[in-house]
């Protein structure tokens, strides 16, 4: 089964059109989606005019090394948290030439969940040059592919709002 379903591709097309009109470049910082948002964006012809770069920072070390996420944030809050999502998005802006960045960090399952952080929990952040970074928390249901697909779609919708 392909994760690039019709709704992801359609959302990616809308994101590309929107950011072409606004003249803004986008960066992604993905953990649990493993590059799904960047893949959806690059499935659209002409996406190179919008997608500046994508970071797949699955490990905590990658989040720190590639995006500058402070280790104390991960130690204090866990990788799946608002503070880490915020630092990831802001790090993607700082380490790119983009004006807008979205980040995704979550627990896609089937394992890894706890009572406080269940499978399906995903934190997002949207960072924009000159504006405050916003964070978003969602809990998605379904299997691993469904959680990842829903998280990717949510992130694309965040990029539409930027």
N, C-alpha and C. Protein backbone atom coordinates (compact mmCIF):
# COMPACT_ATOMS: atom_id res chain seq x y z
N UNK A 1 0.84 -1.19 0.00
CA UNK A 1 0.00 0.00 0.00
C UNK A 1 0.88 1.25 0.00
N UNK A 2 0.59 2.15 -0.86
CA UNK A 2 1.34 3.40 -0.92
C UNK A 2 0.77 4.41 0.06
N UNK A 3 1.66 5.09 0.77
CA UNK A 3 1.21 6.14 1.68
C UNK A 3 0.85 7.42 0.93
N UNK A 4 1.31 7.52 -0.32
CA UNK A 4 0.99 8.71 -1.09
C UNK A 4 -0.38 8.53 -1.74
N UNK A 5 -1.41 8.62 -0.92
CA UNK A 5 -2.76 8.47 -1.43
C UNK A 5 -3.23 9.77 -2.07
N UNK A 6 -4.41 9.72 -2.62
CA UNK A 6 -4.96 10.86 -3.35
C UNK A 6 -5.08 12.11 -2.48
N UNK A 7 -5.46 11.95 -1.22
CA UNK A 7 -5.62 13.13 -0.36
C UNK A 7 -4.28 13.79 -0.06
N UNK A 8 -3.22 12.99 0.12
CA UNK A 8 -1.89 13.57 0.36
C UNK A 8 -1.40 14.31 -0.87
N UNK A 9 -1.56 13.71 -2.03
CA UNK A 9 -1.09 14.35 -3.27
C UNK A 9 -1.89 15.62 -3.54
N UNK A 10 -3.20 15.56 -3.33
CA UNK A 10 -4.05 16.74 -3.54
C UNK A 10 -3.65 17.87 -2.58
N UNK A 11 -3.40 17.53 -1.33
CA UNK A 11 -2.97 18.54 -0.35
C UNK A 11 -1.61 19.10 -0.73
N UNK A 12 -0.71 18.25 -1.20
CA UNK A 12 0.62 18.70 -1.62
C UNK A 12 0.50 19.66 -2.81
N UNK A 13 -0.39 19.35 -3.74
CA UNK A 13 -0.59 20.25 -4.89
C UNK A 13 -1.07 21.62 -4.42
N UNK A 14 -1.98 21.63 -3.47
CA UNK A 14 -2.50 22.90 -2.93
C UNK A 14 -1.39 23.68 -2.22
N UNK A 15 -0.54 22.98 -1.48
CA UNK A 15 0.58 23.63 -0.78
C UNK A 15 1.54 24.26 -1.80
N UNK A 16 1.85 23.52 -2.85
CA UNK A 16 2.76 24.04 -3.88
C UNK A 16 2.16 25.29 -4.52
N UNK A 17 0.89 25.22 -4.90
CA UNK A 17 0.23 26.40 -5.51
C UNK A 17 0.25 27.59 -4.56
N UNK A 18 -0.10 27.34 -3.30
CA UNK A 18 -0.17 28.43 -2.30
C UNK A 18 1.20 29.10 -2.14
N UNK A 19 2.24 28.31 -1.97
CA UNK A 19 3.56 28.90 -1.72
C UNK A 19 4.19 29.47 -2.99
N UNK A 20 3.78 28.99 -4.15
CA UNK A 20 4.20 29.65 -5.40
C UNK A 20 3.61 31.06 -5.44
N UNK A 21 2.34 31.18 -5.05
CA UNK A 21 1.67 32.48 -5.05
C UNK A 21 2.27 33.43 -4.04
N UNK A 22 2.65 32.93 -2.87
CA UNK A 22 3.20 33.79 -1.83
C UNK A 22 4.70 33.99 -1.98
N UNK A 23 5.32 33.20 -2.85
CA UNK A 23 6.77 33.32 -3.06
C UNK A 23 7.59 32.83 -1.89
N UNK A 24 7.05 31.89 -1.13
CA UNK A 24 7.77 31.38 0.04
C UNK A 24 8.29 29.98 -0.21
N UNK A 25 9.45 29.72 0.39
CA UNK A 25 10.05 28.39 0.35
C UNK A 25 9.73 27.67 1.65
N UNK A 26 9.65 26.35 1.56
CA UNK A 26 9.23 25.51 2.67
C UNK A 26 10.34 24.52 3.02
N UNK A 27 10.48 24.22 4.30
CA UNK A 27 11.34 23.13 4.78
C UNK A 27 10.50 22.22 5.66
N UNK A 28 10.86 20.95 5.68
CA UNK A 28 10.18 20.00 6.56
C UNK A 28 11.20 19.40 7.51
N UNK A 29 10.76 19.11 8.73
CA UNK A 29 11.56 18.40 9.72
C UNK A 29 10.69 17.26 10.22
N UNK A 30 10.99 16.05 9.75
CA UNK A 30 10.11 14.92 10.01
C UNK A 30 10.79 13.85 10.83
N UNK A 31 10.03 13.30 11.75
CA UNK A 31 10.50 12.15 12.52
C UNK A 31 9.61 10.96 12.19
N UNK A 32 8.45 10.82 12.82
CA UNK A 32 7.64 9.61 12.63
C UNK A 32 7.13 9.43 11.21
N UNK A 33 7.05 10.50 10.42
CA UNK A 33 6.59 10.37 9.04
C UNK A 33 7.73 10.02 8.09
N UNK A 34 8.97 10.08 8.54
CA UNK A 34 10.10 9.60 7.77
C UNK A 34 10.26 10.17 6.37
N UNK A 35 9.86 11.42 6.17
CA UNK A 35 10.01 12.05 4.87
C UNK A 35 8.75 12.01 4.01
N UNK A 36 7.66 11.55 4.57
CA UNK A 36 6.40 11.44 3.83
C UNK A 36 5.92 12.79 3.30
N UNK A 37 6.03 13.83 4.11
CA UNK A 37 5.57 15.16 3.67
C UNK A 37 6.43 15.66 2.51
N UNK A 38 7.73 15.50 2.64
CA UNK A 38 8.62 15.91 1.55
C UNK A 38 8.35 15.07 0.30
N UNK A 39 8.08 13.78 0.48
CA UNK A 39 7.77 12.91 -0.66
C UNK A 39 6.48 13.36 -1.34
N UNK A 40 5.47 13.70 -0.56
CA UNK A 40 4.21 14.18 -1.14
C UNK A 40 4.44 15.47 -1.92
N UNK A 41 5.21 16.39 -1.33
CA UNK A 41 5.48 17.65 -2.02
C UNK A 41 6.26 17.42 -3.31
N UNK A 42 7.25 16.54 -3.27
CA UNK A 42 8.07 16.32 -4.48
C UNK A 42 7.36 15.46 -5.51
N UNK A 43 6.19 14.92 -5.18
CA UNK A 43 5.40 14.20 -6.18
C UNK A 43 4.73 15.17 -7.15
N UNK A 44 4.76 16.45 -6.81
CA UNK A 44 4.11 17.49 -7.61
C UNK A 44 5.16 18.13 -8.53
N UNK A 45 4.87 18.16 -9.82
CA UNK A 45 5.77 18.83 -10.77
C UNK A 45 5.90 20.30 -10.39
N UNK A 46 7.12 20.80 -10.41
CA UNK A 46 7.37 22.19 -10.06
C UNK A 46 7.62 22.43 -8.59
N UNK A 47 7.66 21.36 -7.81
CA UNK A 47 7.83 21.51 -6.36
C UNK A 47 9.18 22.09 -5.98
N UNK A 48 10.16 22.01 -6.87
CA UNK A 48 11.49 22.56 -6.54
C UNK A 48 11.45 24.08 -6.36
N UNK A 49 10.40 24.71 -6.84
CA UNK A 49 10.26 26.16 -6.64
C UNK A 49 9.75 26.48 -5.24
N UNK A 50 9.31 25.46 -4.50
CA UNK A 50 8.72 25.67 -3.17
C UNK A 50 9.47 24.92 -2.07
N UNK A 51 9.78 23.64 -2.30
CA UNK A 51 10.43 22.84 -1.25
C UNK A 51 11.92 23.12 -1.26
N UNK A 52 12.39 23.80 -0.22
CA UNK A 52 13.81 24.15 -0.13
C UNK A 52 14.62 22.95 0.32
N UNK A 53 14.14 22.24 1.35
CA UNK A 53 14.78 21.00 1.80
C UNK A 53 13.90 20.31 2.83
N UNK A 54 14.23 19.04 3.01
CA UNK A 54 13.55 18.24 4.02
C UNK A 54 14.57 17.54 4.91
N UNK A 55 14.29 17.55 6.19
CA UNK A 55 15.14 16.85 7.16
C UNK A 55 14.36 15.65 7.68
N UNK A 56 14.95 14.48 7.62
CA UNK A 56 14.39 13.31 8.28
C UNK A 56 15.28 13.06 9.49
N UNK A 57 14.76 13.40 10.64
CA UNK A 57 15.53 13.31 11.89
C UNK A 57 14.83 12.32 12.80
N UNK A 58 14.99 11.07 12.47
CA UNK A 58 14.29 10.00 13.19
C UNK A 58 14.88 9.79 14.59
N UNK A 59 16.18 9.84 14.69
CA UNK A 59 16.81 9.63 16.00
C UNK A 59 16.94 10.94 16.75
N UNK A 60 17.10 10.82 18.07
CA UNK A 60 17.31 12.01 18.89
C UNK A 60 18.63 12.69 18.51
N UNK A 61 19.64 11.90 18.20
CA UNK A 61 20.93 12.45 17.79
C UNK A 61 20.78 13.29 16.52
N UNK A 62 20.00 12.79 15.57
CA UNK A 62 19.78 13.54 14.32
C UNK A 62 19.05 14.85 14.60
N UNK A 63 18.08 14.81 15.51
CA UNK A 63 17.36 16.05 15.86
C UNK A 63 18.35 17.09 16.40
N UNK A 64 19.27 16.64 17.23
CA UNK A 64 20.27 17.56 17.81
C UNK A 64 21.28 18.01 16.77
N UNK A 65 21.84 17.06 16.03
CA UNK A 65 22.91 17.40 15.08
C UNK A 65 22.41 18.20 13.88
N UNK A 66 21.29 17.81 13.30
CA UNK A 66 20.82 18.43 12.05
C UNK A 66 19.98 19.68 12.28
N UNK A 67 19.25 19.70 13.39
CA UNK A 67 18.31 20.80 13.62
C UNK A 67 18.67 21.66 14.82
N UNK A 68 19.66 21.23 15.58
CA UNK A 68 20.07 22.01 16.75
C UNK A 68 19.13 21.89 17.93
N UNK A 69 18.33 20.82 17.98
CA UNK A 69 17.44 20.62 19.12
C UNK A 69 18.31 20.35 20.36
N UNK A 70 18.10 21.12 21.39
CA UNK A 70 18.89 20.98 22.62
C UNK A 70 18.59 19.63 23.27
N UNK A 71 19.65 18.94 23.65
CA UNK A 71 19.49 17.63 24.28
C UNK A 71 18.65 17.71 25.55
N UNK A 72 18.76 18.81 26.29
CA UNK A 72 17.99 18.93 27.53
C UNK A 72 16.49 18.97 27.26
N UNK A 73 16.07 19.47 26.08
CA UNK A 73 14.64 19.45 25.74
C UNK A 73 14.16 18.02 25.57
N UNK A 74 14.97 17.23 24.86
CA UNK A 74 14.61 15.83 24.65
C UNK A 74 14.62 15.08 25.97
N UNK A 75 15.64 15.32 26.78
CA UNK A 75 15.74 14.65 28.09
C UNK A 75 14.58 15.04 29.01
N UNK A 76 14.20 16.31 29.00
CA UNK A 76 13.16 16.81 29.91
C UNK A 76 11.74 16.46 29.47
N UNK A 77 11.49 16.57 28.17
CA UNK A 77 10.13 16.45 27.66
C UNK A 77 9.89 15.21 26.81
N UNK A 78 10.96 14.59 26.34
CA UNK A 78 10.83 13.48 25.41
C UNK A 78 10.80 13.99 23.98
N UNK A 79 11.20 13.14 23.05
CA UNK A 79 11.24 13.53 21.65
C UNK A 79 9.85 13.86 21.11
N UNK A 80 8.83 13.22 21.67
CA UNK A 80 7.45 13.47 21.24
C UNK A 80 6.83 14.45 22.22
N UNK A 81 7.00 15.74 21.90
CA UNK A 81 6.52 16.80 22.78
C UNK A 81 6.43 18.11 22.02
N UNK A 82 5.64 19.04 22.56
CA UNK A 82 5.55 20.37 21.96
C UNK A 82 6.90 21.08 21.92
N UNK A 83 7.67 21.09 23.02
CA UNK A 83 8.95 21.82 22.97
C UNK A 83 9.91 21.28 21.91
N UNK A 84 9.93 19.97 21.74
CA UNK A 84 10.83 19.39 20.73
C UNK A 84 10.29 19.68 19.32
N UNK A 85 8.99 19.58 19.12
CA UNK A 85 8.43 19.91 17.80
C UNK A 85 8.74 21.37 17.45
N UNK A 86 8.60 22.26 18.43
CA UNK A 86 8.90 23.68 18.20
C UNK A 86 10.37 23.87 17.84
N UNK A 87 11.26 23.23 18.58
CA UNK A 87 12.69 23.36 18.30
C UNK A 87 13.05 22.76 16.94
N UNK A 88 12.37 21.68 16.56
CA UNK A 88 12.62 21.08 15.24
C UNK A 88 12.24 22.05 14.12
N UNK A 89 11.05 22.64 14.21
CA UNK A 89 10.61 23.57 13.16
C UNK A 89 11.51 24.79 13.09
N UNK A 90 11.84 25.33 14.26
CA UNK A 90 12.72 26.51 14.27
C UNK A 90 14.12 26.14 13.79
N UNK A 91 14.58 24.94 14.09
CA UNK A 91 15.87 24.47 13.59
C UNK A 91 15.87 24.29 12.09
N UNK A 92 14.76 23.82 11.55
CA UNK A 92 14.66 23.67 10.09
C UNK A 92 14.74 25.03 9.41
N UNK A 93 14.10 26.04 10.00
CA UNK A 93 14.22 27.40 9.45
C UNK A 93 15.67 27.89 9.53
N UNK A 94 16.28 27.68 10.67
CA UNK A 94 17.64 28.18 10.91
C UNK A 94 18.68 27.49 10.02
N UNK A 95 18.41 26.24 9.64
CA UNK A 95 19.37 25.46 8.85
C UNK A 95 18.96 25.34 7.39
N UNK A 96 18.17 26.29 6.92
CA UNK A 96 17.72 26.28 5.53
C UNK A 96 17.54 27.72 5.05
N UNK A 97 17.18 27.84 3.78
CA UNK A 97 16.85 29.14 3.22
C UNK A 97 15.34 29.32 3.10
N UNK A 98 14.57 28.46 3.79
CA UNK A 98 13.11 28.52 3.74
C UNK A 98 12.59 29.64 4.64
N UNK A 99 11.38 30.08 4.35
CA UNK A 99 10.69 31.06 5.18
C UNK A 99 9.62 30.42 6.06
N UNK A 100 9.29 29.16 5.75
CA UNK A 100 8.26 28.41 6.48
C UNK A 100 8.78 27.00 6.72
N UNK A 101 8.57 26.49 7.93
CA UNK A 101 8.96 25.10 8.21
C UNK A 101 7.90 24.43 9.05
N UNK A 102 7.68 23.16 8.77
CA UNK A 102 6.78 22.34 9.57
C UNK A 102 7.57 21.19 10.15
N UNK A 103 7.23 20.81 11.39
CA UNK A 103 7.87 19.66 12.01
C UNK A 103 6.82 18.68 12.49
N UNK A 104 7.24 17.41 12.55
CA UNK A 104 6.36 16.32 12.95
C UNK A 104 7.17 15.37 13.81
N UNK A 105 6.69 15.07 15.01
CA UNK A 105 7.33 14.07 15.87
C UNK A 105 6.22 13.34 16.61
N UNK A 106 6.24 12.01 16.53
CA UNK A 106 5.15 11.27 17.14
C UNK A 106 5.45 9.80 17.34
N UNK A 107 4.42 9.09 17.74
CA UNK A 107 4.50 7.65 17.99
C UNK A 107 3.54 6.97 17.02
N UNK A 108 4.10 6.41 15.94
CA UNK A 108 3.28 5.80 14.90
C UNK A 108 2.85 4.38 15.26
N UNK A 109 3.55 3.74 16.16
CA UNK A 109 3.18 2.40 16.59
C UNK A 109 3.78 1.31 15.71
N UNK A 110 3.44 0.09 15.93
CA UNK A 110 2.41 -0.33 16.88
C UNK A 110 2.86 -0.28 18.34
N UNK A 111 4.17 -0.27 18.60
CA UNK A 111 4.66 -0.19 19.97
C UNK A 111 5.14 1.20 20.29
N UNK A 112 5.69 1.34 21.49
CA UNK A 112 6.30 2.60 21.89
C UNK A 112 5.41 3.55 22.64
N UNK A 113 4.13 3.25 22.72
CA UNK A 113 3.22 4.14 23.42
C UNK A 113 3.19 3.89 24.92
N UNK A 114 2.76 4.90 25.65
CA UNK A 114 2.56 4.80 27.09
C UNK A 114 1.19 5.40 27.41
N UNK A 115 0.81 5.37 28.66
CA UNK A 115 -0.46 5.99 29.07
C UNK A 115 -0.43 7.49 28.78
N UNK A 116 0.70 8.14 29.10
CA UNK A 116 0.82 9.59 28.88
C UNK A 116 1.02 9.94 27.40
N UNK A 117 1.69 9.05 26.69
CA UNK A 117 1.98 9.28 25.27
C UNK A 117 1.58 8.03 24.49
N UNK A 118 0.30 7.97 24.12
CA UNK A 118 -0.20 6.76 23.45
C UNK A 118 0.25 6.67 21.98
N UNK A 119 0.18 5.47 21.45
CA UNK A 119 0.39 5.30 20.01
C UNK A 119 -0.62 6.18 19.29
N UNK A 120 -0.16 6.89 18.29
CA UNK A 120 -1.00 7.81 17.53
C UNK A 120 -0.82 9.27 17.93
N UNK A 121 -0.10 9.52 19.04
CA UNK A 121 0.16 10.89 19.48
C UNK A 121 1.22 11.52 18.57
N UNK A 122 0.90 12.67 18.02
CA UNK A 122 1.84 13.38 17.15
C UNK A 122 1.82 14.86 17.52
N UNK A 123 3.03 15.42 17.65
CA UNK A 123 3.19 16.85 17.88
C UNK A 123 3.73 17.48 16.60
N UNK A 124 3.20 18.65 16.29
CA UNK A 124 3.58 19.41 15.10
C UNK A 124 3.98 20.81 15.53
N UNK A 125 4.78 21.46 14.70
CA UNK A 125 5.04 22.89 14.87
C UNK A 125 5.14 23.52 13.50
N UNK A 126 4.72 24.77 13.43
CA UNK A 126 4.82 25.56 12.22
C UNK A 126 5.61 26.82 12.56
N UNK A 127 6.78 26.94 11.94
CA UNK A 127 7.64 28.11 12.17
C UNK A 127 7.64 28.96 10.90
N UNK A 128 7.51 30.26 11.09
CA UNK A 128 7.51 31.21 9.97
C UNK A 128 8.41 32.37 10.33
N UNK A 129 9.20 32.80 9.37
CA UNK A 129 10.07 33.94 9.63
C UNK A 129 9.24 35.12 10.09
N UNK A 130 9.68 35.74 11.19
CA UNK A 130 9.04 36.95 11.68
C UNK A 130 7.73 36.74 12.42
N UNK A 131 7.34 35.48 12.67
CA UNK A 131 6.09 35.21 13.38
C UNK A 131 6.34 34.18 14.46
N UNK A 132 5.51 34.16 15.48
CA UNK A 132 5.69 33.16 16.54
C UNK A 132 5.44 31.75 16.00
N UNK A 133 6.19 30.80 16.51
CA UNK A 133 6.00 29.40 16.14
C UNK A 133 4.78 28.86 16.87
N UNK A 134 3.95 28.13 16.16
CA UNK A 134 2.76 27.52 16.76
C UNK A 134 2.98 26.02 16.88
N UNK A 135 2.44 25.44 17.94
CA UNK A 135 2.52 23.99 18.12
C UNK A 135 1.12 23.41 18.13
N UNK A 136 1.05 22.15 17.75
CA UNK A 136 -0.23 21.47 17.63
C UNK A 136 -0.05 20.03 18.10
N UNK A 137 -1.03 19.51 18.81
CA UNK A 137 -1.00 18.14 19.31
C UNK A 137 -2.22 17.41 18.78
N UNK A 138 -2.02 16.24 18.22
CA UNK A 138 -3.11 15.44 17.71
C UNK A 138 -2.90 13.99 18.11
N UNK A 139 -3.98 13.26 18.27
CA UNK A 139 -3.91 11.82 18.47
C UNK A 139 -4.72 11.19 17.34
N UNK A 140 -4.04 10.39 16.53
CA UNK A 140 -4.66 9.73 15.38
C UNK A 140 -4.88 8.26 15.70
N UNK A 141 -5.92 7.70 15.14
CA UNK A 141 -6.18 6.27 15.35
C UNK A 141 -5.78 5.49 14.11
N UNK A 142 -5.67 4.20 14.29
CA UNK A 142 -5.35 3.33 13.17
C UNK A 142 -4.00 2.67 13.33
N UNK A 143 -3.60 1.97 12.28
CA UNK A 143 -2.31 1.30 12.30
C UNK A 143 -1.20 2.29 11.95
N UNK A 144 0.01 1.79 11.90
CA UNK A 144 1.19 2.63 11.65
C UNK A 144 1.04 3.48 10.38
N UNK A 145 0.65 2.86 9.29
CA UNK A 145 0.50 3.59 8.03
C UNK A 145 -0.59 4.65 8.13
N UNK A 146 -1.68 4.32 8.82
CA UNK A 146 -2.77 5.29 8.96
C UNK A 146 -2.36 6.48 9.81
N UNK A 147 -1.61 6.23 10.88
CA UNK A 147 -1.13 7.33 11.73
C UNK A 147 -0.17 8.21 10.93
N UNK A 148 0.76 7.59 10.23
CA UNK A 148 1.73 8.36 9.45
C UNK A 148 1.04 9.15 8.34
N UNK A 149 0.08 8.53 7.66
CA UNK A 149 -0.64 9.23 6.60
C UNK A 149 -1.45 10.40 7.13
N UNK A 150 -2.13 10.20 8.25
CA UNK A 150 -2.91 11.28 8.86
C UNK A 150 -2.00 12.41 9.33
N UNK A 151 -0.85 12.06 9.89
CA UNK A 151 0.09 13.09 10.33
C UNK A 151 0.64 13.87 9.14
N UNK A 152 0.94 13.18 8.06
CA UNK A 152 1.43 13.87 6.87
C UNK A 152 0.40 14.84 6.32
N UNK A 153 -0.85 14.41 6.28
CA UNK A 153 -1.93 15.27 5.79
C UNK A 153 -2.11 16.48 6.70
N UNK A 154 -2.04 16.27 8.00
CA UNK A 154 -2.17 17.37 8.95
C UNK A 154 -1.05 18.39 8.74
N UNK A 155 0.17 17.89 8.54
CA UNK A 155 1.31 18.79 8.32
C UNK A 155 1.14 19.59 7.03
N UNK A 156 0.66 18.95 5.99
CA UNK A 156 0.43 19.67 4.72
C UNK A 156 -0.63 20.75 4.93
N UNK A 157 -1.66 20.44 5.70
CA UNK A 157 -2.69 21.45 5.97
C UNK A 157 -2.13 22.61 6.78
N UNK A 158 -1.19 22.33 7.69
CA UNK A 158 -0.52 23.42 8.41
C UNK A 158 0.24 24.31 7.43
N UNK A 159 0.92 23.70 6.49
CA UNK A 159 1.67 24.48 5.48
C UNK A 159 0.73 25.35 4.64
N UNK A 160 -0.50 24.90 4.44
CA UNK A 160 -1.47 25.72 3.70
C UNK A 160 -1.86 26.97 4.48
N UNK A 161 -1.76 26.91 5.80
CA UNK A 161 -2.17 28.04 6.63
C UNK A 161 -1.06 29.08 6.76
N UNK A 162 0.13 28.74 6.27
CA UNK A 162 1.28 29.63 6.45
C UNK A 162 1.36 30.69 5.37
